[in-house]
Protein backbone atom coordinates (compact mmCIF):
# COMPACT_ATOMS: atom_id res chain seq x y z
CA MET A 1 23.15 -8.38 -4.98
CA GLU A 2 25.33 -6.46 -2.54
CA VAL A 3 24.29 -3.00 -1.39
CA THR A 4 27.07 -1.17 0.50
CA ALA A 5 26.73 1.65 2.93
CA GLN A 6 28.51 3.90 0.42
CA ALA A 7 26.02 3.08 -2.31
CA ALA A 8 22.84 3.34 -0.32
CA SER A 9 21.17 5.21 2.56
CA LEU A 10 18.56 3.83 4.88
CA VAL A 11 15.07 5.16 4.31
CA TYR A 12 13.11 2.91 6.64
CA ARG A 13 13.63 -0.23 8.74
CA GLY A 14 10.41 -2.08 9.66
CA ALA A 15 9.53 -5.38 11.34
CA GLU A 16 9.82 -7.36 8.09
CA ALA A 17 12.13 -5.34 5.73
CA GLU A 18 14.52 -2.55 5.30
CA VAL A 19 14.24 0.10 2.59
CA VAL A 20 17.22 1.93 1.24
CA ARG A 21 17.79 4.57 -1.37
CA THR A 22 20.34 3.45 -3.91
CA GLU A 23 21.13 3.37 -7.64
CA TRP A 24 20.42 0.87 -10.36
CA HIS A 25 22.65 1.16 -13.45
CA GLY A 26 22.84 4.98 -12.88
CA ARG A 27 19.20 5.43 -12.13
CA ASP A 28 17.71 6.49 -8.77
CA ALA A 29 16.27 3.47 -7.12
CA ILE A 30 14.68 2.03 -3.92
CA LEU A 31 15.78 -1.37 -2.63
CA LYS A 32 13.46 -3.25 -0.30
CA ARG A 33 15.07 -6.26 1.33
CA ARG A 34 13.35 -8.69 3.69
CA THR A 35 15.69 -9.32 6.62
CA ALA A 36 16.14 -12.63 8.37
CA LYS A 37 14.43 -13.12 11.70
CA PRO A 38 16.48 -14.85 14.37
CA TYR A 39 13.36 -15.89 16.32
CA ARG A 40 12.21 -18.12 13.36
CA HIS A 41 13.63 -21.45 12.32
CA PRO A 42 16.16 -20.56 9.49
CA ASP A 43 14.41 -22.83 6.92
CA ILE A 44 10.96 -21.55 7.72
CA ASP A 45 12.23 -17.96 7.81
CA ARG A 46 13.78 -18.26 4.32
CA ARG A 47 10.68 -19.88 2.80
CA LEU A 48 8.49 -17.10 4.24
CA ARG A 49 10.84 -14.32 3.00
CA VAL A 50 11.13 -15.84 -0.51
CA ALA A 51 7.39 -16.39 -0.75
CA ARG A 52 6.53 -12.89 0.31
CA THR A 53 9.10 -11.33 -1.92
CA LYS A 54 7.69 -13.29 -4.94
CA GLU A 55 4.13 -12.40 -3.95
CA GLU A 56 4.89 -8.72 -3.66
CA ALA A 57 6.56 -8.68 -7.12
CA LEU A 58 3.53 -10.39 -8.65
CA LEU A 59 1.16 -7.83 -6.94
CA PHE A 60 3.17 -4.98 -8.40
CA ARG A 61 2.69 -6.51 -11.81
CA ALA A 62 -1.00 -7.15 -11.26
CA ALA A 63 -1.55 -3.59 -10.06
CA ARG A 64 0.17 -2.15 -13.16
CA GLU A 65 -1.93 -4.35 -15.37
CA ALA A 66 -5.02 -3.02 -13.56
CA GLY A 67 -4.01 0.53 -14.52
CA VAL A 68 -2.84 1.50 -11.04
CA ALA A 69 0.47 3.37 -10.97
CA VAL A 70 3.25 1.60 -9.04
CA PRO A 71 7.04 2.05 -9.20
CA GLY A 72 8.73 0.16 -12.02
CA LEU A 73 10.54 -2.99 -10.91
CA PHE A 74 14.19 -3.11 -11.92
CA ASP A 75 15.12 -6.34 -10.23
CA VAL A 76 13.80 -9.23 -8.23
CA ASP A 77 16.51 -10.98 -6.32
CA MET A 78 15.21 -14.12 -4.67
CA GLU A 79 18.57 -15.00 -3.19
CA GLU A 80 18.58 -11.76 -1.15
CA CYS A 81 14.78 -11.61 -0.86
CA ALA A 82 14.98 -8.12 -2.35
CA LEU A 83 13.13 -5.88 -4.79
CA THR A 84 14.89 -3.00 -6.54
CA MET A 85 12.37 -0.50 -7.96
CA GLU A 86 12.11 2.95 -9.44
CA PHE A 87 12.52 5.88 -7.09
CA VAL A 88 9.42 8.07 -7.18
CA PRO A 89 10.30 11.63 -6.05
CA GLY A 90 6.79 12.79 -5.10
CA PRO A 91 5.62 13.38 -1.53
CA MET A 92 3.37 10.96 0.32
CA LEU A 93 -0.37 11.32 -0.16
CA LYS A 94 -0.49 11.87 3.55
CA ALA A 95 1.34 15.16 3.20
CA ALA A 96 -0.56 16.28 0.08
CA LEU A 97 -3.95 15.68 1.79
CA ASN A 98 -2.92 17.94 4.73
CA GLU A 99 -1.78 20.78 2.47
CA GLY A 100 -3.02 22.81 -0.46
CA SER A 101 -6.52 23.76 -1.45
CA ASP A 102 -9.68 21.92 -0.51
CA GLU A 103 -10.33 21.31 -4.17
CA ARG A 104 -6.91 19.66 -4.59
CA ARG A 105 -7.43 17.53 -1.50
CA ARG A 106 -10.89 16.36 -2.70
CA ALA A 107 -9.56 15.53 -6.18
CA LEU A 108 -6.66 13.50 -4.76
CA ALA A 109 -9.09 11.69 -2.35
CA ARG A 110 -11.48 10.81 -5.14
CA ALA A 111 -8.66 9.60 -7.38
CA PHE A 112 -7.33 7.58 -4.44
CA GLY A 113 -10.77 5.82 -4.09
CA ARG A 114 -10.85 5.04 -7.79
CA SER A 115 -7.42 3.46 -7.66
CA VAL A 116 -8.29 1.38 -4.64
CA ALA A 117 -11.38 0.15 -6.49
CA ALA A 118 -9.30 -0.74 -9.47
CA LEU A 119 -7.07 -2.92 -7.27
CA HIS A 120 -10.13 -4.63 -5.88
CA VAL A 121 -11.75 -5.09 -9.24
CA ALA A 122 -8.54 -6.74 -10.42
CA GLY A 123 -8.85 -9.33 -7.62
CA MET A 124 -6.31 -8.05 -5.13
CA VAL A 125 -6.07 -6.08 -1.84
CA HIS A 126 -3.27 -3.88 -0.75
CA GLY A 127 -3.22 -5.06 2.86
CA ASP A 128 -1.77 -1.84 4.30
CA LEU A 129 -3.99 0.95 2.85
CA THR A 130 -2.77 4.21 4.39
CA THR A 131 -2.03 7.55 2.86
CA SER A 132 1.65 6.90 3.71
CA ASN A 133 1.76 4.02 1.19
CA VAL A 134 0.86 6.20 -1.77
CA LEU A 135 3.08 8.81 -3.41
CA VAL A 136 1.94 11.84 -5.42
CA ASP A 137 3.85 12.21 -8.61
CA GLY A 138 2.27 15.18 -10.45
CA ASP A 139 -1.24 13.91 -11.19
CA ARG A 140 -0.29 10.27 -10.60
CA LEU A 141 -0.95 8.41 -7.41
CA VAL A 142 1.72 5.78 -7.11
CA PHE A 143 0.97 2.85 -4.73
CA ILE A 144 3.91 1.35 -2.81
CA ASP A 145 4.57 -1.43 -0.29
CA PHE A 146 2.37 -4.43 -1.19
CA GLY A 147 4.09 -6.58 1.41
CA LEU A 148 0.90 -7.40 3.19
CA GLY A 149 -1.29 -7.66 0.04
CA GLY A 150 -2.83 -10.65 -1.67
CA LYS A 151 -5.09 -11.99 -4.32
CA THR A 152 -8.73 -12.25 -3.31
CA THR A 153 -12.24 -11.59 -4.65
CA GLU A 154 -13.94 -11.68 -1.24
CA ASP A 155 -15.97 -8.65 -0.19
CA GLU A 156 -14.80 -9.39 3.43
CA ASP A 157 -11.16 -8.89 2.43
CA ARG A 158 -11.96 -5.79 0.46
CA GLY A 159 -13.98 -4.45 3.43
CA VAL A 160 -10.93 -5.05 5.72
CA ASP A 161 -8.78 -3.13 3.25
CA LEU A 162 -11.22 -0.07 3.30
CA HIS A 163 -11.73 -0.25 7.06
CA LEU A 164 -8.01 -0.04 7.65
CA LEU A 165 -7.91 3.05 5.36
CA MET A 166 -10.96 4.58 7.23
CA GLU A 167 -9.19 4.22 10.58
CA ALA A 168 -5.86 5.49 9.19
CA MET A 169 -7.51 8.59 7.65
CA GLU A 170 -9.51 9.33 10.78
CA SER A 171 -6.37 9.45 12.82
CA THR A 172 -4.03 11.07 10.24
CA HIS A 173 -6.43 13.53 8.58
CA ALA A 174 -8.72 14.45 11.49
CA ALA A 175 -8.74 18.10 10.40
CA HIS A 176 -10.36 17.06 7.11
CA HIS A 177 -12.80 14.52 8.44
CA ASP A 178 -14.83 14.39 5.16
CA LEU A 179 -11.97 13.01 3.05
CA TYR A 180 -12.75 9.38 3.64
CA GLY A 181 -16.15 9.96 2.34
CA VAL A 182 -14.77 11.46 -0.86
CA VAL A 183 -12.51 8.34 -1.15
CA VAL A 184 -15.58 6.17 -0.98
CA GLU A 185 -17.28 8.33 -3.65
CA GLY A 186 -14.39 7.56 -6.00
CA TYR A 187 -14.49 3.88 -5.03
CA ARG A 188 -18.18 3.68 -5.97
CA GLU A 189 -17.43 5.13 -9.47
CA VAL A 190 -15.37 2.09 -10.30
CA ALA A 191 -16.32 -0.89 -8.07
CA PRO A 192 -19.66 -2.53 -8.92
CA PHE A 193 -19.51 -4.34 -5.61
CA ALA A 194 -19.11 -1.15 -3.62
CA PRO A 195 -22.39 -1.44 -1.63
CA ALA A 196 -21.43 -4.91 -0.43
CA VAL A 197 -17.96 -3.75 0.66
CA GLU A 198 -19.34 -0.75 2.42
CA LYS A 199 -21.75 -3.11 4.26
CA VAL A 200 -18.69 -5.15 5.39
CA VAL A 201 -17.00 -1.98 6.65
CA LYS A 202 -20.10 -1.02 8.72
CA GLU A 203 -20.20 -4.59 10.13
CA ILE A 204 -16.53 -4.40 11.15
CA VAL A 205 -17.17 -1.04 12.87
CA ARG A 206 -20.22 -2.55 14.63
CA ARG A 207 -18.22 -5.53 15.83
CA GLY A 208 -15.50 -3.33 17.13
CA ARG A 209 -17.94 -1.20 19.06
CA TYR A 210 -19.62 -4.35 20.55
CA ARG A 211 -16.27 -5.64 21.73
CA SER A 212 -15.48 -2.25 23.32
CA GLU A 213 -18.80 -2.21 25.12
CA LYS A 214 -18.37 -5.75 26.37
CA GLY A 215 -14.68 -4.95 27.20
C-alpha cells in the first residue's frame, strides 16, 4: 500500500511508527506504519515489525469483542507493516478531562476505569495507558495505540498498566488530583480482581520509593 504526501498528512512520528491522516476508499482514515530501524539487523527488524503489527491488529479485535470501543480496522498490510483504521474525530480524553464541568470529568473518568477493567477482564493490557491514547467521541471512549499491549491474565501486568496510568494522570491532570481515584472506582465496578491489582500498584509505588531513598 503506497501512501503519498499528496494523499496523507503526518499526525505523529514516534520511535516505532509514524501515523498519518489519509483516506480509505473515500473515508477519512488513519494509517499507522511501523518504520524500519537501521540500527537493527534487517531480518530481525522485519520480523519484529510484522509481529507487532499482527499483535496490535489482534488486540484491536479482542478489545472490540470485550465491548471496548476502538477505531474500526479497514486494512492490515503485513508487507508494509501498516494498519489503516477509522478516523475518530473526537478530542483526546486528556483535553476533555481538563475542560468542562466537574460532573462531566468524573463521568468520563469513571467510564475510563470501567473500560480499562473490561480490557483486563478480557485477558489483555493496553501497555501505554494514558489519557492521550483515548479519544472522546460523544459518549464513547475510543481506545487507540495498542502497540505496546499484550495478552495476559497476570495481576502484576494489570498493575503495571494501572500504575502507568496513575503516574500519567498525576502529571497531566495535577489540577484534578482526585480523578485517578474516580478511574479506580469505575475499575472496581467491573474487575473482580481489582483488590489484587490495586495491591500490585501499591507495591510498585513502594518499590519506587525504596529505590529513590536508596538512590
